[in-house]
Amino acid sequence: MKVFLEEIFIMFVKKIELDYRIPRRVTTIRKITQYYFPVCPKCNCTMEREYQSYCDRCGQALRWKEFSFVKASIDTKVYK
């Protein structure tokens, strides 16, 4: 039983480790001041450029196929 649980745990950890390699669809853009930035679906951070293959902060693979159907959100924070 213990060996079985260890195998399940190892499989779960490997799935989490490899999860960022499966491309996720970019579904949100965020407006900051007058500019729009795409948002990473995993870490929820804005990205500097559109159509990059990976998020530059968390390494999540990105899919831009349906990018024309994104929803926009307005960032209400004040940046100095």
PDB file of N, CA and C in Angstrom:
ATOM      1  N   MET A   1       0.821  -1.200   0.000  1.00  0.00           N
ATOM      2  CA  MET A   1       0.000   0.000   0.000  1.00  0.00           C
ATOM      3  C   MET A   1       0.864   1.262   0.000  1.00  0.00           C
ATOM      4  N   LYS A   2       1.947   1.253   0.790  1.00  0.00           N
ATOM      5  CA  LYS A   2       2.810   2.412   0.879  1.00  0.00           C
ATOM      6  C   LYS A   2       3.485   2.691  -0.468  1.00  0.00           C
ATOM      7  N   VAL A   3       3.916   1.648  -1.157  1.00  0.00           N
ATOM      8  CA  VAL A   3       4.555   1.817  -2.467  1.00  0.00           C
ATOM      9  C   VAL A   3       3.559   2.409  -3.462  1.00  0.00           C
ATOM     10  N   PHE A   4       2.312   1.954  -3.413  1.00  0.00           N
ATOM     11  CA  PHE A   4       1.267   2.463  -4.292  1.00  0.00           C
ATOM     12  C   PHE A   4       1.037   3.957  -4.061  1.00  0.00           C
ATOM     13  N   LEU A   5       0.971   4.383  -2.807  1.00  0.00           N
ATOM     14  CA  LEU A   5       0.777   5.798  -2.483  1.00  0.00           C
ATOM     15  C   LEU A   5       1.968   6.641  -2.932  1.00  0.00           C
ATOM     16  N   GLU A   6       3.168   6.102  -2.776  1.00  0.00           N
ATOM     17  CA  GLU A   6       4.357   6.823  -3.236  1.00  0.00           C
ATOM     18  C   GLU A   6       4.334   7.001  -4.747  1.00  0.00           C
ATOM     19  N   GLU A   7       3.895   5.978  -5.485  1.00  0.00           N
ATOM     20  CA  GLU A   7       3.807   6.080  -6.938  1.00  0.00           C
ATOM     21  C   GLU A   7       2.778   7.128  -7.350  1.00  0.00           C
ATOM     22  N   ILE A   8       1.646   7.155  -6.666  1.00  0.00           N
ATOM     23  CA  ILE A   8       0.626   8.175  -6.961  1.00  0.00           C
ATOM     24  C   ILE A   8       1.175   9.565  -6.675  1.00  0.00           C
ATOM     25  N   PHE A   9       1.880   9.725  -5.565  1.00  0.00           N
ATOM     26  CA  PHE A   9       2.463  11.020  -5.224  1.00  0.00           C
ATOM     27  C   PHE A   9       3.472  11.471  -6.286  1.00  0.00           C
ATOM     28  N   ILE A  10       4.319  10.559  -6.735  1.00  0.00           N
ATOM     29  CA  ILE A  10       5.316  10.882  -7.757  1.00  0.00           C
ATOM     30  C   ILE A  10       4.635  11.274  -9.063  1.00  0.00           C
ATOM     31  N   MET A  11       3.577  10.560  -9.449  1.00  0.00           N
ATOM     32  CA  MET A  11       2.844  10.904 -10.667  1.00  0.00           C
ATOM     33  C   MET A  11       2.211  12.287 -10.542  1.00  0.00           C
ATOM     34  N   PHE A  12       1.666  12.611  -9.357  1.00  0.00           N
ATOM     35  CA  PHE A  12       1.052  13.913  -9.126  1.00  0.00           C
ATOM     36  C   PHE A  12       2.085  15.030  -9.218  1.00  0.00           C
ATOM     37  N   VAL A  13       3.248  14.835  -8.621  1.00  0.00           N
ATOM     38  CA  VAL A  13       4.311  15.838  -8.671  1.00  0.00           C
ATOM     39  C   VAL A  13       4.792  16.035 -10.107  1.00  0.00           C
ATOM     40  N   LYS A  14       4.948  14.960 -10.862  1.00  0.00           N
ATOM     41  CA  LYS A  14       5.376  15.085 -12.256  1.00  0.00           C
ATOM     42  C   LYS A  14       4.343  15.833 -13.079  1.00  0.00           C
ATOM     43  N   LYS A  15       3.053  15.604 -12.809  1.00  0.00           N
ATOM     44  CA  LYS A  15       2.010  16.316 -13.538  1.00  0.00           C
ATOM     45  C   LYS A  15       2.094  17.814 -13.253  1.00  0.00           C
ATOM     46  N   ILE A  16       2.310  18.178 -11.996  1.00  0.00           N
ATOM     47  CA  ILE A  16       2.425  19.593 -11.636  1.00  0.00           C
ATOM     48  C   ILE A  16       3.661  20.193 -12.287  1.00  0.00           C
ATOM     49  N   GLU A  17       4.769  19.462 -12.293  1.00  0.00           N
ATOM     50  CA  GLU A  17       5.996  19.977 -12.891  1.00  0.00           C
ATOM     51  C   GLU A  17       5.852  20.204 -14.387  1.00  0.00           C
ATOM     52  N   LEU A  18       5.094  19.360 -15.070  1.00  0.00           N
ATOM     53  CA  LEU A  18       4.965  19.446 -16.517  1.00  0.00           C
ATOM     54  C   LEU A  18       3.742  20.246 -16.957  1.00  0.00           C
ATOM     55  N   ASP A  19       2.937  20.707 -16.008  1.00  0.00           N
ATOM     56  CA  ASP A  19       1.708  21.421 -16.335  1.00  0.00           C
ATOM     57  C   ASP A  19       1.980  22.700 -17.127  1.00  0.00           C
ATOM     58  N   TYR A  20       3.071  23.383 -16.857  1.00  0.00           N
ATOM     59  CA  TYR A  20       3.360  24.628 -17.551  1.00  0.00           C
ATOM     60  C   TYR A  20       3.733  24.408 -19.014  1.00  0.00           C
ATOM     61  N   ARG A  21       4.058  23.180 -19.403  1.00  0.00           N
ATOM     62  CA  ARG A  21       4.418  22.902 -20.793  1.00  0.00           C
ATOM     63  C   ARG A  21       3.205  22.746 -21.701  1.00  0.00           C
ATOM     64  N   ILE A  22       2.041  22.483 -21.131  1.00  0.00           N
ATOM     65  CA  ILE A  22       0.811  22.367 -21.922  1.00  0.00           C
ATOM     66  C   ILE A  22       0.320  23.779 -22.219  1.00  0.00           C
ATOM     67  N   PRO A  23       0.198  24.160 -23.491  1.00  0.00           N
ATOM     68  CA  PRO A  23      -0.196  25.534 -23.813  1.00  0.00           C
ATOM     69  C   PRO A  23      -1.584  25.885 -23.281  1.00  0.00           C
ATOM     70  N   ARG A  24      -1.686  27.032 -22.645  1.00  0.00           N
ATOM     71  CA  ARG A  24      -2.957  27.556 -22.169  1.00  0.00           C
ATOM     72  C   ARG A  24      -3.361  28.744 -23.038  1.00  0.00           C
ATOM     73  N   ARG A  25      -4.653  28.901 -23.223  1.00  0.00           N
ATOM     74  CA  ARG A  25      -5.178  29.959 -24.078  1.00  0.00           C
ATOM     75  C   ARG A  25      -5.167  31.289 -23.335  1.00  0.00           C
ATOM     76  N   VAL A  26      -4.688  32.330 -23.986  1.00  0.00           N
ATOM     77  CA  VAL A  26      -4.710  33.677 -23.425  1.00  0.00           C
ATOM     78  C   VAL A  26      -6.118  34.223 -23.619  1.00  0.00           C
ATOM     79  N   THR A  27      -6.808  34.539 -22.509  1.00  0.00           N
ATOM     80  CA  THR A  27      -8.208  34.935 -22.586  1.00  0.00           C
ATOM     81  C   THR A  27      -8.480  36.345 -22.079  1.00  0.00           C
ATOM     82  N   THR A  28      -7.482  37.005 -21.517  1.00  0.00           N
ATOM     83  CA  THR A  28      -7.708  38.311 -20.901  1.00  0.00           C
ATOM     84  C   THR A  28      -6.615  39.287 -21.302  1.00  0.00           C
ATOM     85  N   ILE A  29      -7.022  40.524 -21.506  1.00  0.00           N
ATOM     86  CA  ILE A  29      -6.065  41.619 -21.642  1.00  0.00           C
ATOM     87  C   ILE A  29      -6.386  42.643 -20.558  1.00  0.00           C
ATOM     88  N   ARG A  30      -5.385  43.355 -20.121  1.00  0.00           N
ATOM     89  CA  ARG A  30      -5.558  44.330 -19.054  1.00  0.00           C
ATOM     90  C   ARG A  30      -5.142  45.704 -19.565  1.00  0.00           C
ATOM     91  N   LYS A  31      -5.997  46.686 -19.304  1.00  0.00           N
ATOM     92  CA  LYS A  31      -5.688  48.060 -19.696  1.00  0.00           C
ATOM     93  C   LYS A  31      -5.012  48.760 -18.526  1.00  0.00           C
ATOM     94  N   ILE A  32      -3.794  49.218 -18.775  1.00  0.00           N
ATOM     95  CA  ILE A  32      -3.047  49.985 -17.781  1.00  0.00           C
ATOM     96  C   ILE A  32      -2.717  51.311 -18.447  1.00  0.00           C
ATOM     97  N   THR A  33      -3.168  52.373 -17.846  1.00  0.00           N
ATOM     98  CA  THR A  33      -3.143  53.727 -18.435  1.00  0.00           C
ATOM     99  C   THR A  33      -3.836  53.673 -19.788  1.00  0.00           C
ATOM    100  N   GLN A  34      -3.134  53.914 -20.894  1.00  0.00           N
ATOM    101  CA  GLN A  34      -3.792  53.879 -22.201  1.00  0.00           C
ATOM    102  C   GLN A  34      -3.394  52.664 -23.027  1.00  0.00           C
ATOM    103  N   TYR A  35      -2.624  51.749 -22.456  1.00  0.00           N
ATOM    104  CA  TYR A  35      -2.124  50.595 -23.206  1.00  0.00           C
ATOM    105  C   TYR A  35      -2.794  49.308 -22.740  1.00  0.00           C
ATOM    106  N   TYR A  36      -2.903  48.349 -23.652  1.00  0.00           N
ATOM    107  CA  TYR A  36      -3.475  47.039 -23.350  1.00  0.00           C
ATOM    108  C   TYR A  36      -2.361  45.993 -23.350  1.00  0.00           C
ATOM    109  N   PHE A  37      -2.366  45.128 -22.332  1.00  0.00           N
ATOM    110  CA  PHE A  37      -1.364  44.079 -22.208  1.00  0.00           C
ATOM    111  C   PHE A  37      -2.064  42.735 -22.034  1.00  0.00           C
ATOM    112  N   PRO A  38      -1.588  41.673 -22.703  1.00  0.00           N
ATOM    113  CA  PRO A  38      -2.157  40.345 -22.467  1.00  0.00           C
ATOM    114  C   PRO A  38      -1.775  39.842 -21.078  1.00  0.00           C
ATOM    115  N   VAL A  39      -2.636  38.998 -20.512  1.00  0.00           N
ATOM    116  CA  VAL A  39      -2.439  38.473 -19.157  1.00  0.00           C
ATOM    117  C   VAL A  39      -2.190  36.971 -19.233  1.00  0.00           C
ATOM    118  N   CYS A  40      -1.168  36.515 -18.526  1.00  0.00           N
ATOM    119  CA  CYS A  40      -0.855  35.085 -18.475  1.00  0.00           C
ATOM    120  C   CYS A  40      -1.974  34.349 -17.742  1.00  0.00           C
ATOM    121  N   PRO A  41      -2.465  33.240 -18.302  1.00  0.00           N
ATOM    122  CA  PRO A  41      -3.549  32.511 -17.638  1.00  0.00           C
ATOM    123  C   PRO A  41      -3.126  31.773 -16.374  1.00  0.00           C
ATOM    124  N   LYS A  42      -1.837  31.564 -16.172  1.00  0.00           N
ATOM    125  CA  LYS A  42      -1.377  30.834 -14.985  1.00  0.00           C
ATOM    126  C   LYS A  42      -1.025  31.774 -13.838  1.00  0.00           C
ATOM    127  N   CYS A  43      -0.132  32.737 -14.080  1.00  0.00           N
ATOM    128  CA  CYS A  43       0.329  33.600 -12.986  1.00  0.00           C
ATOM    129  C   CYS A  43      -0.430  34.925 -12.898  1.00  0.00           C
ATOM    130  N   ASN A  44      -1.293  35.214 -13.877  1.00  0.00           N
ATOM    131  CA  ASN A  44      -2.129  36.412 -13.897  1.00  0.00           C
ATOM    132  C   ASN A  44      -1.313  37.703 -13.954  1.00  0.00           C
ATOM    133  N   CYS A  45      -0.105  37.634 -14.487  1.00  0.00           N
ATOM    134  CA  CYS A  45       0.730  38.815 -14.673  1.00  0.00           C
ATOM    135  C   CYS A  45       0.608  39.300 -16.113  1.00  0.00           C
ATOM    136  N   THR A  46       0.762  40.593 -16.300  1.00  0.00           N
ATOM    137  CA  THR A  46       0.729  41.119 -17.657  1.00  0.00           C
ATOM    138  C   THR A  46       2.045  40.802 -18.358  1.00  0.00           C
ATOM    139  N   MET A  47       1.951  40.618 -19.676  1.00  0.00           N
ATOM    140  CA  MET A  47       3.132  40.337 -20.489  1.00  0.00           C
ATOM    141  C   MET A  47       3.420  41.546 -21.353  1.00  0.00           C
ATOM    142  N   GLU A  48       4.677  41.764 -21.657  1.00  0.00           N
ATOM    143  CA  GLU A  48       5.073  42.942 -22.418  1.00  0.00           C
ATOM    144  C   GLU A  48       4.687  42.857 -23.883  1.00  0.00           C
ATOM    145  N   ARG A  49       4.709  41.662 -24.454  1.00  0.00           N
ATOM    146  CA  ARG A  49       4.458  41.512 -25.892  1.00  0.00           C
ATOM    147  C   ARG A  49       3.363  40.491 -26.143  1.00  0.00           C
ATOM    148  N   GLU A  50       2.667  40.665 -27.245  1.00  0.00           N
ATOM    149  CA  GLU A  50       1.683  39.677 -27.679  1.00  0.00           C
ATOM    150  C   GLU A  50       2.391  38.592 -28.477  1.00  0.00           C
ATOM    151  N   TYR A  51       1.752  37.458 -28.556  1.00  0.00           N
ATOM    152  CA  TYR A  51       2.175  36.332 -29.386  1.00  0.00           C
ATOM    153  C   TYR A  51       3.553  35.777 -29.038  1.00  0.00           C
ATOM    154  N   GLN A  52       3.962  35.887 -27.790  1.00  0.00           N
ATOM    155  CA  GLN A  52       5.181  35.194 -27.386  1.00  0.00           C
ATOM    156  C   GLN A  52       4.806  33.774 -26.997  1.00  0.00           C
ATOM    157  N   SER A  53       5.718  32.852 -27.193  1.00  0.00           N
ATOM    158  CA  SER A  53       5.427  31.426 -26.992  1.00  0.00           C
ATOM    159  C   SER A  53       5.258  31.052 -25.520  1.00  0.00           C
ATOM    160  N   TYR A  54       5.970  31.750 -24.634  1.00  0.00           N
ATOM    161  CA  TYR A  54       5.957  31.433 -23.212  1.00  0.00           C
ATOM    162  C   TYR A  54       5.828  32.710 -22.406  1.00  0.00           C
ATOM    163  N   CYS A  55       5.236  32.587 -21.215  1.00  0.00           N
ATOM    164  CA  CYS A  55       5.194  33.716 -20.285  1.00  0.00           C
ATOM    165  C   CYS A  55       6.616  33.967 -19.795  1.00  0.00           C
ATOM    166  N   ASP A  56       7.028  35.220 -19.794  1.00  0.00           N
ATOM    167  CA  ASP A  56       8.400  35.535 -19.388  1.00  0.00           C
ATOM    168  C   ASP A  56       8.583  35.507 -17.872  1.00  0.00           C
ATOM    169  N   ARG A  57       7.513  35.324 -17.109  1.00  0.00           N
ATOM    170  CA  ARG A  57       7.640  35.280 -15.653  1.00  0.00           C
ATOM    171  C   ARG A  57       7.531  33.868 -15.080  1.00  0.00           C
ATOM    172  N   CYS A  58       6.541  33.086 -15.547  1.00  0.00           N
ATOM    173  CA  CYS A  58       6.354  31.748 -14.961  1.00  0.00           C
ATOM    174  C   CYS A  58       6.710  30.615 -15.921  1.00  0.00           C
ATOM    175  N   GLY A  59       6.928  30.909 -17.199  1.00  0.00           N
ATOM    176  CA  GLY A  59       7.312  29.889 -18.157  1.00  0.00           C
ATOM    177  C   GLY A  59       6.159  29.116 -18.769  1.00  0.00           C
ATOM    178  N   GLN A  60       4.915  29.523 -18.490  1.00  0.00           N
ATOM    179  CA  GLN A  60       3.749  28.831 -19.029  1.00  0.00           C
ATOM    180  C   GLN A  60       3.721  28.949 -20.554  1.00  0.00           C
ATOM    181  N   ALA A  61       3.529  27.812 -21.231  1.00  0.00           N
ATOM    182  CA  ALA A  61       3.367  27.834 -22.687  1.00  0.00           C
ATOM    183  C   ALA A  61       2.022  28.482 -23.014  1.00  0.00           C
ATOM    184  N   LEU A  62       1.987  29.313 -24.040  1.00  0.00           N
ATOM    185  CA  LEU A  62       0.791  30.091 -24.363  1.00  0.00           C
ATOM    186  C   LEU A  62       0.243  29.718 -25.723  1.00  0.00           C
ATOM    187  N   ARG A  63      -1.083  29.787 -25.830  1.00  0.00           N
ATOM    188  CA  ARG A  63      -1.753  29.525 -27.100  1.00  0.00           C
ATOM    189  C   ARG A  63      -2.539  30.782 -27.471  1.00  0.00           C
ATOM    190  N   TRP A  64      -2.293  31.306 -28.658  1.00  0.00           N
ATOM    191  CA  TRP A  64      -2.879  32.565 -29.105  1.00  0.00           C
ATOM    192  C   TRP A  64      -3.944  32.368 -30.172  1.00  0.00           C
ATOM    193  N   LYS A  65      -4.405  31.148 -30.369  1.00  0.00           N
ATOM    194  CA  LYS A  65      -5.299  30.849 -31.482  1.00  0.00           C
ATOM    195  C   LYS A  65      -6.593  31.661 -31.430  1.00  0.00           C
ATOM    196  N   GLU A  66      -7.229  31.771 -30.278  1.00  0.00           N
ATOM    197  CA  GLU A  66      -8.487  32.507 -30.146  1.00  0.00           C
ATOM    198  C   GLU A  66      -8.278  33.868 -29.483  1.00  0.00           C
ATOM    199  N   PHE A  67      -7.159  34.507 -29.743  1.00  0.00           N
ATOM    200  CA  PHE A  67      -6.847  35.762 -29.072  1.00  0.00           C
ATOM    201  C   PHE A  67      -7.814  36.877 -29.453  1.00  0.00           C
ATOM    202  N   SER A  68      -8.470  36.794 -30.589  1.00  0.00           N
ATOM    203  CA  SER A  68      -9.391  37.853 -30.994  1.00  0.00           C
ATOM    204  C   SER A  68     -10.675  37.846 -30.157  1.00  0.00           C
ATOM    205  N   PHE A  69     -10.902  36.793 -29.341  1.00  0.00           N
ATOM    206  CA  PHE A  69     -12.107  36.694 -28.520  1.00  0.00           C
ATOM    207  C   PHE A  69     -11.804  36.924 -27.040  1.00  0.00           C
ATOM    208  N   VAL A  70     -10.832  37.756 -26.719  1.00  0.00           N
ATOM    209  CA  VAL A  70     -10.453  37.965 -25.322  1.00  0.00           C
ATOM    210  C   VAL A  70     -11.379  38.965 -24.658  1.00  0.00           C
ATOM    211  N   LYS A  71     -11.382  38.952 -23.324  1.00  0.00           N
ATOM    212  CA  LYS A  71     -12.141  39.951 -22.578  1.00  0.00           C
ATOM    213  C   LYS A  71     -11.159  40.931 -21.952  1.00  0.00           C
ATOM    214  N   ALA A  72     -11.550  42.169 -21.901  1.00  0.00           N
ATOM    215  CA  ALA A  72     -10.676  43.225 -21.375  1.00  0.00           C
ATOM    216  C   ALA A  72     -11.055  43.544 -19.951  1.00  0.00           C
ATOM    217  N   SER A  73     -10.054  43.789 -19.132  1.00  0.00           N
ATOM    218  CA  SER A  73     -10.275  44.273 -17.774  1.00  0.00           C
ATOM    219  C   SER A  73      -9.453  45.524 -17.587  1.00  0.00           C
ATOM    220  N   ILE A  74      -9.979  46.429 -16.763  1.00  0.00           N
ATOM    221  CA  ILE A  74      -9.301  47.707 -16.535  1.00  0.00           C
ATOM    222  C   ILE A  74      -8.628  47.643 -15.188  1.00  0.00           C
ATOM    223  N   ASP A  75      -7.337  47.941 -15.163  1.00  0.00           N
ATOM    224  CA  ASP A  75      -6.573  47.950 -13.927  1.00  0.00           C
ATOM    225  C   ASP A  75      -6.818  49.293 -13.241  1.00  0.00           C
ATOM    226  N   THR A  76      -7.314  49.255 -12.014  1.00  0.00           N
ATOM    227  CA  THR A  76      -7.656  50.493 -11.308  1.00  0.00           C
ATOM    228  C   THR A  76      -6.530  50.991 -10.407  1.00  0.00           C
ATOM    229  N   LYS A  77      -5.407  50.295 -10.377  1.00  0.00           N
ATOM    230  CA  LYS A  77      -4.291  50.739  -9.546  1.00  0.00           C
ATOM    231  C   LYS A  77      -3.665  51.992 -10.131  1.00  0.00           C
ATOM    232  N   VAL A  78      -3.139  52.836  -9.279  1.00  0.00           N
ATOM    233  CA  VAL A  78      -2.465  54.051  -9.739  1.00  0.00           C
ATOM    234  C   VAL A  78      -0.967  53.775  -9.766  1.00  0.00           C
ATOM    235  N   TYR A  79      -0.351  53.943 -10.921  1.00  0.00           N
ATOM    236  CA  TYR A  79       1.086  53.718 -11.083  1.00  0.00           C
ATOM    237  C   TYR A  79       1.786  55.058 -11.181  1.00  0.00           C
ATOM    238  N   LYS A  80       2.885  55.199 -10.458  1.00  0.00           N
ATOM    239  CA  LYS A  80       3.646  56.452 -10.484  1.00  0.00           C
ATOM    240  C   LYS A  80       4.923  56.284 -11.244  1.00  0.00           C
TER     241      LYS A  80
END
